[in-house]
Amino acid sequence: MDSDTLATTPETRLAAMGIDLPRAAPSPIGSFRNVRQSGGLIYVSGQGPVRADGTLIRGKVGSDVTAEEARDHATLVAVNILSALRDAYGTLDRVGGVVKLLGLVNAAPDFERHPFVIDGASDLLAQVFGEPGVHARSSFGVGSLPNRITVEIEAIFELAPDQPR
């Protein structure tokens, strides 16, 4: 690979952003796995705002947590999604891009800024994957999430074109 190609891989973009992924993705809290591939698509189960030390970020967005704080939580969720992908594939460079996100916000009944919150994850993924990181998305509020976390996001990715299916 020439230096221009190398500078535009997901791994090098992530490094240039100064983001260190956790050594391991958070473990699932139920009877499922973090990542499952089917054909050329990669499904990442819902991830939450879990810090590298294992602590969960909890609260109700719009009452005990601001939209801006929750947006930062969504960015952390994207980091955990990337960690799950790296765990499964050894490198993010095997991933071609993001197809779709589904973002859930543990929101107060009158909270309206769900898209703003989930933009924290969308923006990071677009920075890491470039144009192929711009994706389709749904975001909405829910009355509760597991362990009272603030945000949960699931994702669908596609394999890089040169990867075995």
N, C-alpha and C. Protein backbone atom coordinates (compact mmCIF):
# COMPACT_ATOMS: atom_id res chain seq x y z
N MET A 1 0.83 -1.19 0.00
CA MET A 1 0.00 0.00 0.00
C MET A 1 0.87 1.25 0.00
N ASP A 2 0.45 2.21 -0.80
CA ASP A 2 1.20 3.47 -0.75
C ASP A 2 0.74 4.30 0.44
N SER A 3 1.47 5.35 0.74
CA SER A 3 1.17 6.12 1.96
C SER A 3 -0.19 6.81 1.89
N ASP A 4 -0.65 7.20 0.68
CA ASP A 4 -1.98 7.83 0.57
C ASP A 4 -3.08 6.85 0.93
N THR A 5 -2.95 5.61 0.45
CA THR A 5 -3.95 4.60 0.76
C THR A 5 -3.93 4.28 2.25
N LEU A 6 -2.71 4.14 2.80
CA LEU A 6 -2.57 3.82 4.21
C LEU A 6 -3.19 4.89 5.11
N ALA A 7 -3.06 6.14 4.70
CA ALA A 7 -3.57 7.26 5.51
C ALA A 7 -5.09 7.32 5.52
N THR A 8 -5.74 6.55 4.67
CA THR A 8 -7.20 6.63 4.60
C THR A 8 -7.89 5.35 5.04
N THR A 9 -7.21 4.52 5.80
CA THR A 9 -7.87 3.32 6.30
C THR A 9 -8.58 3.65 7.61
N PRO A 10 -9.59 2.89 7.96
CA PRO A 10 -10.25 3.14 9.26
C PRO A 10 -9.27 3.12 10.43
N GLU A 11 -8.34 2.18 10.44
CA GLU A 11 -7.40 2.08 11.56
C GLU A 11 -6.51 3.33 11.65
N THR A 12 -6.02 3.82 10.51
CA THR A 12 -5.15 5.00 10.57
C THR A 12 -5.94 6.26 10.88
N ARG A 13 -7.17 6.34 10.42
CA ARG A 13 -8.00 7.50 10.79
C ARG A 13 -8.25 7.50 12.29
N LEU A 14 -8.56 6.34 12.84
CA LEU A 14 -8.81 6.23 14.28
C LEU A 14 -7.57 6.64 15.06
N ALA A 15 -6.41 6.17 14.63
CA ALA A 15 -5.16 6.53 15.29
C ALA A 15 -4.90 8.03 15.18
N ALA A 16 -5.15 8.60 14.01
CA ALA A 16 -4.93 10.04 13.82
C ALA A 16 -5.85 10.86 14.71
N MET A 17 -7.01 10.31 15.03
CA MET A 17 -7.96 11.00 15.91
C MET A 17 -7.55 10.85 17.38
N GLY A 18 -6.56 10.00 17.65
CA GLY A 18 -6.10 9.80 19.02
C GLY A 18 -7.03 8.95 19.86
N ILE A 19 -7.83 8.12 19.22
CA ILE A 19 -8.77 7.27 19.95
C ILE A 19 -8.17 5.88 20.13
N ASP A 20 -8.04 5.47 21.38
CA ASP A 20 -7.60 4.12 21.70
C ASP A 20 -8.83 3.30 22.06
N LEU A 21 -9.05 2.24 21.31
CA LEU A 21 -10.18 1.37 21.62
C LEU A 21 -9.87 0.54 22.86
N PRO A 22 -10.90 0.21 23.64
CA PRO A 22 -10.69 -0.70 24.77
C PRO A 22 -10.07 -2.00 24.28
N ARG A 23 -9.33 -2.67 25.16
CA ARG A 23 -8.69 -3.94 24.79
C ARG A 23 -9.70 -4.99 24.36
N ALA A 24 -10.87 -4.94 24.95
CA ALA A 24 -11.93 -5.89 24.60
C ALA A 24 -13.26 -5.15 24.66
N ALA A 25 -14.16 -5.54 23.77
CA ALA A 25 -15.50 -4.95 23.78
C ALA A 25 -16.25 -5.41 25.03
N PRO A 26 -17.21 -4.61 25.49
CA PRO A 26 -18.03 -5.06 26.62
C PRO A 26 -18.70 -6.39 26.30
N SER A 27 -18.78 -7.25 27.29
CA SER A 27 -19.42 -8.56 27.10
C SER A 27 -20.93 -8.40 27.01
N PRO A 28 -21.58 -9.23 26.18
CA PRO A 28 -23.03 -9.20 26.11
C PRO A 28 -23.66 -9.49 27.48
N ILE A 29 -24.82 -8.89 27.73
CA ILE A 29 -25.49 -9.10 29.01
C ILE A 29 -26.66 -10.08 28.88
N GLY A 30 -26.68 -10.82 27.79
CA GLY A 30 -27.76 -11.79 27.57
C GLY A 30 -27.27 -12.92 26.69
N SER A 31 -28.22 -13.67 26.15
CA SER A 31 -27.91 -14.84 25.31
C SER A 31 -27.76 -14.42 23.85
N PHE A 32 -26.71 -13.69 23.57
CA PHE A 32 -26.42 -13.24 22.20
C PHE A 32 -24.93 -12.94 22.10
N ARG A 33 -24.48 -12.68 20.89
CA ARG A 33 -23.09 -12.30 20.68
C ARG A 33 -23.03 -10.86 20.20
N ASN A 34 -21.88 -10.24 20.36
CA ASN A 34 -21.72 -8.84 19.95
C ASN A 34 -21.78 -8.67 18.44
N VAL A 35 -21.20 -9.60 17.70
CA VAL A 35 -21.07 -9.45 16.24
C VAL A 35 -21.47 -10.75 15.56
N ARG A 36 -22.22 -10.61 14.47
CA ARG A 36 -22.63 -11.76 13.65
C ARG A 36 -22.59 -11.33 12.21
N GLN A 37 -21.90 -12.11 11.38
CA GLN A 37 -21.81 -11.82 9.96
C GLN A 37 -22.78 -12.72 9.21
N SER A 38 -23.42 -12.14 8.20
CA SER A 38 -24.26 -12.90 7.29
C SER A 38 -23.98 -12.38 5.89
N GLY A 39 -23.38 -13.21 5.07
CA GLY A 39 -22.96 -12.76 3.74
C GLY A 39 -21.98 -11.61 3.88
N GLY A 40 -22.24 -10.53 3.19
CA GLY A 40 -21.36 -9.37 3.24
C GLY A 40 -21.74 -8.34 4.28
N LEU A 41 -22.72 -8.67 5.13
CA LEU A 41 -23.15 -7.73 6.17
C LEU A 41 -22.69 -8.19 7.55
N ILE A 42 -22.37 -7.21 8.38
CA ILE A 42 -21.93 -7.45 9.75
C ILE A 42 -22.92 -6.76 10.68
N TYR A 43 -23.53 -7.53 11.56
CA TYR A 43 -24.51 -7.00 12.51
C TYR A 43 -23.85 -6.88 13.88
N VAL A 44 -23.91 -5.69 14.46
CA VAL A 44 -23.37 -5.47 15.80
C VAL A 44 -24.56 -5.26 16.73
N SER A 45 -24.65 -6.12 17.74
CA SER A 45 -25.73 -6.01 18.73
C SER A 45 -25.66 -4.68 19.45
N GLY A 46 -26.79 -4.30 20.03
CA GLY A 46 -26.87 -3.04 20.76
C GLY A 46 -25.76 -2.92 21.80
N GLN A 47 -25.05 -1.82 21.73
CA GLN A 47 -23.98 -1.51 22.67
C GLN A 47 -24.40 -0.30 23.48
N GLY A 48 -23.85 -0.19 24.68
CA GLY A 48 -24.18 0.93 25.54
C GLY A 48 -22.96 1.73 25.92
N PRO A 49 -23.17 2.79 26.71
CA PRO A 49 -22.07 3.64 27.15
C PRO A 49 -21.34 3.01 28.34
N VAL A 50 -20.40 2.15 28.02
CA VAL A 50 -19.60 1.46 29.03
C VAL A 50 -18.18 2.01 28.92
N ARG A 51 -17.69 2.55 30.01
CA ARG A 51 -16.31 3.07 30.03
C ARG A 51 -15.32 1.90 30.01
N ALA A 52 -14.08 2.21 29.67
CA ALA A 52 -13.03 1.18 29.60
C ALA A 52 -12.87 0.42 30.92
N ASP A 53 -13.18 1.08 32.04
CA ASP A 53 -13.06 0.40 33.34
C ASP A 53 -14.30 -0.43 33.68
N GLY A 54 -15.27 -0.48 32.77
CA GLY A 54 -16.46 -1.31 32.95
C GLY A 54 -17.65 -0.59 33.56
N THR A 55 -17.50 0.67 33.96
CA THR A 55 -18.64 1.38 34.55
C THR A 55 -19.63 1.80 33.46
N LEU A 56 -20.88 1.70 33.81
CA LEU A 56 -21.97 2.10 32.91
C LEU A 56 -22.34 3.56 33.17
N ILE A 57 -22.71 4.25 32.11
CA ILE A 57 -23.23 5.61 32.28
C ILE A 57 -24.75 5.48 32.25
N ARG A 58 -25.37 5.94 33.31
CA ARG A 58 -26.81 5.74 33.50
C ARG A 58 -27.54 7.08 33.63
N GLY A 59 -28.83 7.04 33.39
CA GLY A 59 -29.65 8.20 33.61
C GLY A 59 -30.70 8.39 32.54
N LYS A 60 -31.58 9.32 32.81
CA LYS A 60 -32.69 9.65 31.92
C LYS A 60 -32.33 10.96 31.20
N VAL A 61 -32.23 10.88 29.88
CA VAL A 61 -31.86 12.05 29.08
C VAL A 61 -33.05 13.02 29.05
N GLY A 62 -32.76 14.25 29.37
CA GLY A 62 -33.79 15.27 29.42
C GLY A 62 -34.24 15.58 30.83
N SER A 63 -33.84 14.73 31.79
CA SER A 63 -34.12 15.05 33.19
C SER A 63 -32.83 15.04 34.00
N ASP A 64 -32.12 13.87 34.12
CA ASP A 64 -30.86 13.89 34.87
C ASP A 64 -29.63 14.01 33.99
N VAL A 65 -29.77 13.89 32.68
CA VAL A 65 -28.66 13.96 31.74
C VAL A 65 -29.04 14.93 30.62
N THR A 66 -28.13 15.83 30.28
CA THR A 66 -28.42 16.79 29.19
C THR A 66 -28.25 16.10 27.84
N ALA A 67 -28.81 16.71 26.83
CA ALA A 67 -28.65 16.21 25.46
C ALA A 67 -27.18 16.21 25.06
N GLU A 68 -26.45 17.22 25.47
CA GLU A 68 -25.02 17.31 25.14
C GLU A 68 -24.22 16.18 25.81
N GLU A 69 -24.54 15.89 27.06
CA GLU A 69 -23.88 14.78 27.75
C GLU A 69 -24.22 13.46 27.07
N ALA A 70 -25.48 13.28 26.73
CA ALA A 70 -25.91 12.04 26.08
C ALA A 70 -25.26 11.88 24.71
N ARG A 71 -25.04 12.99 24.02
CA ARG A 71 -24.34 12.92 22.72
C ARG A 71 -22.93 12.37 22.93
N ASP A 72 -22.25 12.81 23.98
CA ASP A 72 -20.94 12.27 24.31
C ASP A 72 -21.04 10.77 24.63
N HIS A 73 -22.11 10.38 25.29
CA HIS A 73 -22.32 8.96 25.59
C HIS A 73 -22.48 8.17 24.30
N ALA A 74 -23.19 8.73 23.33
CA ALA A 74 -23.36 8.06 22.03
C ALA A 74 -22.02 7.91 21.32
N THR A 75 -21.14 8.88 21.47
CA THR A 75 -19.80 8.76 20.90
C THR A 75 -19.06 7.59 21.55
N LEU A 76 -19.18 7.47 22.87
CA LEU A 76 -18.57 6.34 23.58
C LEU A 76 -19.16 5.01 23.09
N VAL A 77 -20.45 4.99 22.83
CA VAL A 77 -21.08 3.77 22.32
C VAL A 77 -20.46 3.41 20.97
N ALA A 78 -20.22 4.40 20.12
CA ALA A 78 -19.58 4.13 18.82
C ALA A 78 -18.18 3.55 19.03
N VAL A 79 -17.45 4.03 20.01
CA VAL A 79 -16.14 3.46 20.33
C VAL A 79 -16.31 1.99 20.71
N ASN A 80 -17.32 1.67 21.49
CA ASN A 80 -17.55 0.28 21.89
C ASN A 80 -17.98 -0.58 20.70
N ILE A 81 -18.72 -0.02 19.79
CA ILE A 81 -19.09 -0.73 18.56
C ILE A 81 -17.82 -1.05 17.76
N LEU A 82 -16.94 -0.06 17.63
CA LEU A 82 -15.68 -0.28 16.91
C LEU A 82 -14.83 -1.34 17.61
N SER A 83 -14.84 -1.33 18.92
CA SER A 83 -14.11 -2.33 19.69
C SER A 83 -14.66 -3.74 19.41
N ALA A 84 -15.98 -3.85 19.34
CA ALA A 84 -16.59 -5.15 19.04
C ALA A 84 -16.19 -5.62 17.65
N LEU A 85 -16.15 -4.70 16.69
CA LEU A 85 -15.72 -5.06 15.34
C LEU A 85 -14.27 -5.50 15.32
N ARG A 86 -13.41 -4.76 16.01
CA ARG A 86 -11.99 -5.14 16.03
C ARG A 86 -11.82 -6.50 16.71
N ASP A 87 -12.57 -6.75 17.79
CA ASP A 87 -12.51 -8.06 18.44
C ASP A 87 -12.86 -9.17 17.45
N ALA A 88 -13.86 -8.94 16.64
CA ALA A 88 -14.35 -9.97 15.72
C ALA A 88 -13.45 -10.15 14.50
N TYR A 89 -12.86 -9.06 14.00
CA TYR A 89 -12.13 -9.12 12.73
C TYR A 89 -10.64 -8.83 12.84
N GLY A 90 -10.16 -8.45 14.02
CA GLY A 90 -8.74 -8.20 14.19
C GLY A 90 -8.30 -6.82 13.76
N THR A 91 -9.05 -6.20 12.88
CA THR A 91 -8.76 -4.87 12.37
C THR A 91 -10.03 -4.26 11.80
N LEU A 92 -10.15 -2.96 11.91
CA LEU A 92 -11.30 -2.27 11.30
C LEU A 92 -11.14 -2.16 9.79
N ASP A 93 -9.95 -2.41 9.30
CA ASP A 93 -9.71 -2.29 7.86
C ASP A 93 -10.41 -3.38 7.05
N ARG A 94 -10.94 -4.39 7.69
CA ARG A 94 -11.74 -5.41 7.00
C ARG A 94 -13.18 -4.97 6.82
N VAL A 95 -13.54 -3.85 7.44
CA VAL A 95 -14.91 -3.32 7.37
C VAL A 95 -14.96 -2.24 6.30
N GLY A 96 -15.91 -2.36 5.39
CA GLY A 96 -16.00 -1.42 4.28
C GLY A 96 -16.75 -0.15 4.60
N GLY A 97 -17.69 -0.21 5.52
CA GLY A 97 -18.46 0.98 5.86
C GLY A 97 -19.66 0.65 6.71
N VAL A 98 -20.40 1.70 7.02
CA VAL A 98 -21.58 1.59 7.88
C VAL A 98 -22.81 1.62 6.98
N VAL A 99 -23.71 0.67 7.18
CA VAL A 99 -24.96 0.63 6.42
C VAL A 99 -26.06 1.37 7.18
N LYS A 100 -26.26 1.00 8.45
CA LYS A 100 -27.37 1.58 9.21
C LYS A 100 -27.12 1.51 10.70
N LEU A 101 -27.60 2.52 11.41
CA LEU A 101 -27.61 2.54 12.87
C LEU A 101 -29.05 2.61 13.35
N LEU A 102 -29.29 2.01 14.51
CA LEU A 102 -30.54 2.18 15.23
C LEU A 102 -30.15 2.68 16.62
N GLY A 103 -30.55 3.91 16.93
CA GLY A 103 -30.17 4.52 18.20
C GLY A 103 -31.37 4.69 19.12
N LEU A 104 -31.22 4.22 20.34
CA LEU A 104 -32.26 4.32 21.35
C LEU A 104 -31.77 5.24 22.47
N VAL A 105 -32.61 6.18 22.86
CA VAL A 105 -32.26 7.13 23.90
C VAL A 105 -33.21 6.90 25.07
N ASN A 106 -32.67 6.69 26.26
CA ASN A 106 -33.47 6.55 27.48
C ASN A 106 -33.92 7.96 27.85
N ALA A 107 -35.08 8.35 27.36
CA ALA A 107 -35.47 9.75 27.38
C ALA A 107 -36.67 10.04 28.28
N ALA A 108 -36.64 11.24 28.84
CA ALA A 108 -37.81 11.77 29.55
C ALA A 108 -38.94 11.91 28.53
N PRO A 109 -40.19 11.82 28.98
CA PRO A 109 -41.32 11.85 28.04
C PRO A 109 -41.36 13.07 27.12
N ASP A 110 -40.88 14.23 27.59
CA ASP A 110 -40.96 15.43 26.75
C ASP A 110 -39.67 15.72 25.99
N PHE A 111 -38.69 14.80 26.02
CA PHE A 111 -37.42 15.00 25.32
C PHE A 111 -37.63 14.85 23.81
N GLU A 112 -37.02 15.74 23.02
CA GLU A 112 -37.24 15.74 21.57
C GLU A 112 -35.97 15.67 20.73
N ARG A 113 -34.81 15.64 21.35
CA ARG A 113 -33.57 15.79 20.58
C ARG A 113 -32.84 14.47 20.34
N HIS A 114 -33.59 13.42 20.09
CA HIS A 114 -33.01 12.09 19.87
C HIS A 114 -31.99 12.09 18.73
N PRO A 115 -32.30 12.69 17.56
CA PRO A 115 -31.30 12.69 16.48
C PRO A 115 -30.00 13.39 16.88
N PHE A 116 -30.10 14.48 17.62
CA PHE A 116 -28.91 15.19 18.09
C PHE A 116 -28.04 14.27 18.94
N VAL A 117 -28.65 13.51 19.83
CA VAL A 117 -27.89 12.60 20.70
C VAL A 117 -27.17 11.55 19.87
N ILE A 118 -27.87 10.88 18.98
CA ILE A 118 -27.28 9.78 18.21
C ILE A 118 -26.27 10.29 17.19
N ASP A 119 -26.33 11.58 16.85
CA ASP A 119 -25.29 12.17 15.98
C ASP A 119 -23.90 11.97 16.57
N GLY A 120 -23.78 11.86 17.88
CA GLY A 120 -22.47 11.60 18.49
C GLY A 120 -21.83 10.35 17.92
N ALA A 121 -22.61 9.30 17.75
CA ALA A 121 -22.11 8.04 17.16
C ALA A 121 -21.95 8.19 15.65
N SER A 122 -22.94 8.76 15.00
CA SER A 122 -22.88 8.89 13.54
C SER A 122 -21.67 9.70 13.10
N ASP A 123 -21.40 10.79 13.79
CA ASP A 123 -20.28 11.64 13.41
C ASP A 123 -18.95 10.90 13.56
N LEU A 124 -18.77 10.18 14.66
CA LEU A 124 -17.53 9.45 14.85
C LEU A 124 -17.35 8.38 13.78
N LEU A 125 -18.39 7.62 13.49
CA LEU A 125 -18.27 6.56 12.48
C LEU A 125 -17.98 7.13 11.10
N ALA A 126 -18.56 8.27 10.78
CA ALA A 126 -18.26 8.91 9.49
C ALA A 126 -16.81 9.37 9.44
N GLN A 127 -16.27 9.83 10.55
CA GLN A 127 -14.86 10.23 10.58
C GLN A 127 -13.94 9.02 10.43
N VAL A 128 -14.28 7.91 11.04
CA VAL A 128 -13.43 6.72 11.00
C VAL A 128 -13.47 6.05 9.62
N PHE A 129 -14.65 5.98 9.00
CA PHE A 129 -14.79 5.26 7.74
C PHE A 129 -14.85 6.17 6.51
N GLY A 130 -14.82 7.47 6.71
CA GLY A 130 -14.92 8.37 5.56
C GLY A 130 -16.32 8.31 4.97
N GLU A 131 -16.43 8.58 3.69
CA GLU A 131 -17.74 8.59 3.02
C GLU A 131 -18.52 7.28 3.22
N PRO A 132 -17.87 6.09 3.19
CA PRO A 132 -18.62 4.86 3.45
C PRO A 132 -19.15 4.75 4.88
N GLY A 133 -18.77 5.68 5.74
CA GLY A 133 -19.27 5.69 7.10
C GLY A 133 -20.56 6.48 7.26
N VAL A 134 -20.96 7.20 6.22
CA VAL A 134 -22.23 7.94 6.25
C VAL A 134 -23.34 6.92 5.96
N HIS A 135 -24.33 6.84 6.83
CA HIS A 135 -25.24 5.71 6.85
C HIS A 135 -26.70 6.13 6.96
N ALA A 136 -27.57 5.16 6.77
CA ALA A 136 -28.99 5.33 7.09
C ALA A 136 -29.12 5.17 8.60
N ARG A 137 -30.21 5.75 9.17
CA ARG A 137 -30.31 5.69 10.63
C ARG A 137 -31.74 5.95 11.10
N SER A 138 -32.05 5.34 12.22
CA SER A 138 -33.26 5.66 12.96
C SER A 138 -32.83 5.98 14.39
N SER A 139 -33.53 6.93 15.01
CA SER A 139 -33.27 7.23 16.42
C SER A 139 -34.58 7.60 17.08
N PHE A 140 -34.75 7.10 18.28
CA PHE A 140 -35.98 7.44 19.01
C PHE A 140 -35.78 7.24 20.50
N GLY A 141 -36.72 7.78 21.26
CA GLY A 141 -36.67 7.67 22.70
C GLY A 141 -37.46 6.48 23.19
N VAL A 142 -36.99 5.92 24.30
CA VAL A 142 -37.66 4.80 24.94
C VAL A 142 -37.81 5.12 26.43
N GLY A 143 -38.74 4.44 27.07
CA GLY A 143 -39.00 4.67 28.49
C GLY A 143 -37.93 4.14 29.41
N SER A 144 -37.18 3.13 28.96
CA SER A 144 -36.07 2.59 29.76
C SER A 144 -35.16 1.80 28.84
N LEU A 145 -33.94 1.57 29.32
CA LEU A 145 -32.97 0.72 28.64
C LEU A 145 -32.34 -0.19 29.69
N PRO A 146 -31.72 -1.30 29.28
CA PRO A 146 -31.11 -2.20 30.26
C PRO A 146 -30.13 -1.46 31.18
N ASN A 147 -30.17 -1.80 32.44
CA ASN A 147 -29.30 -1.21 33.45
C ASN A 147 -29.40 0.32 33.52
N ARG A 148 -30.50 0.85 33.05
CA ARG A 148 -30.77 2.30 33.07
C ARG A 148 -29.73 3.12 32.29
N ILE A 149 -29.05 2.49 31.28
CA ILE A 149 -28.08 3.23 30.49
C ILE A 149 -28.78 4.34 29.71
N THR A 150 -28.02 5.35 29.33
CA THR A 150 -28.59 6.52 28.66
C THR A 150 -28.87 6.29 27.18
N VAL A 151 -28.02 5.49 26.53
CA VAL A 151 -28.09 5.31 25.08
C VAL A 151 -27.74 3.87 24.74
N GLU A 152 -28.42 3.30 23.76
CA GLU A 152 -28.05 2.00 23.19
C GLU A 152 -28.11 2.14 21.68
N ILE A 153 -27.09 1.59 21.01
CA ILE A 153 -27.04 1.69 19.54
C ILE A 153 -26.65 0.33 18.98
N GLU A 154 -27.40 -0.11 17.98
CA GLU A 154 -27.02 -1.29 17.21
C GLU A 154 -26.65 -0.84 15.81
N ALA A 155 -25.86 -1.65 15.12
CA ALA A 155 -25.33 -1.21 13.83
C ALA A 155 -25.23 -2.34 12.83
N ILE A 156 -25.34 -1.96 11.57
CA ILE A 156 -25.10 -2.88 10.46
C ILE A 156 -23.96 -2.29 9.64
N PHE A 157 -22.94 -3.09 9.40
CA PHE A 157 -21.79 -2.69 8.59
C PHE A 157 -21.72 -3.60 7.37
N GLU A 158 -20.85 -3.24 6.42
CA GLU A 158 -20.57 -4.12 5.31
C GLU A 158 -19.09 -4.44 5.30
N LEU A 159 -18.77 -5.63 4.85
CA LEU A 159 -17.38 -6.02 4.72
C LEU A 159 -16.73 -5.18 3.63
N ALA A 160 -15.42 -4.96 3.73
CA ALA A 160 -14.68 -4.32 2.67
C ALA A 160 -14.80 -5.21 1.42
N PRO A 161 -14.81 -4.62 0.24
CA PRO A 161 -15.04 -5.39 -0.98
C PRO A 161 -14.07 -6.55 -1.20
N ASP A 162 -12.86 -6.44 -0.71
CA ASP A 162 -11.86 -7.48 -0.94
C ASP A 162 -11.85 -8.56 0.13
N GLN A 163 -12.83 -8.56 1.04
CA GLN A 163 -12.88 -9.53 2.14
C GLN A 163 -13.74 -10.72 1.79
N PRO A 164 -13.32 -11.92 2.25
CA PRO A 164 -14.14 -13.11 2.00
C PRO A 164 -15.48 -13.02 2.70
N ARG A 165 -16.48 -13.52 2.06
CA ARG A 165 -17.85 -13.46 2.60
C ARG A 165 -18.16 -14.69 3.39
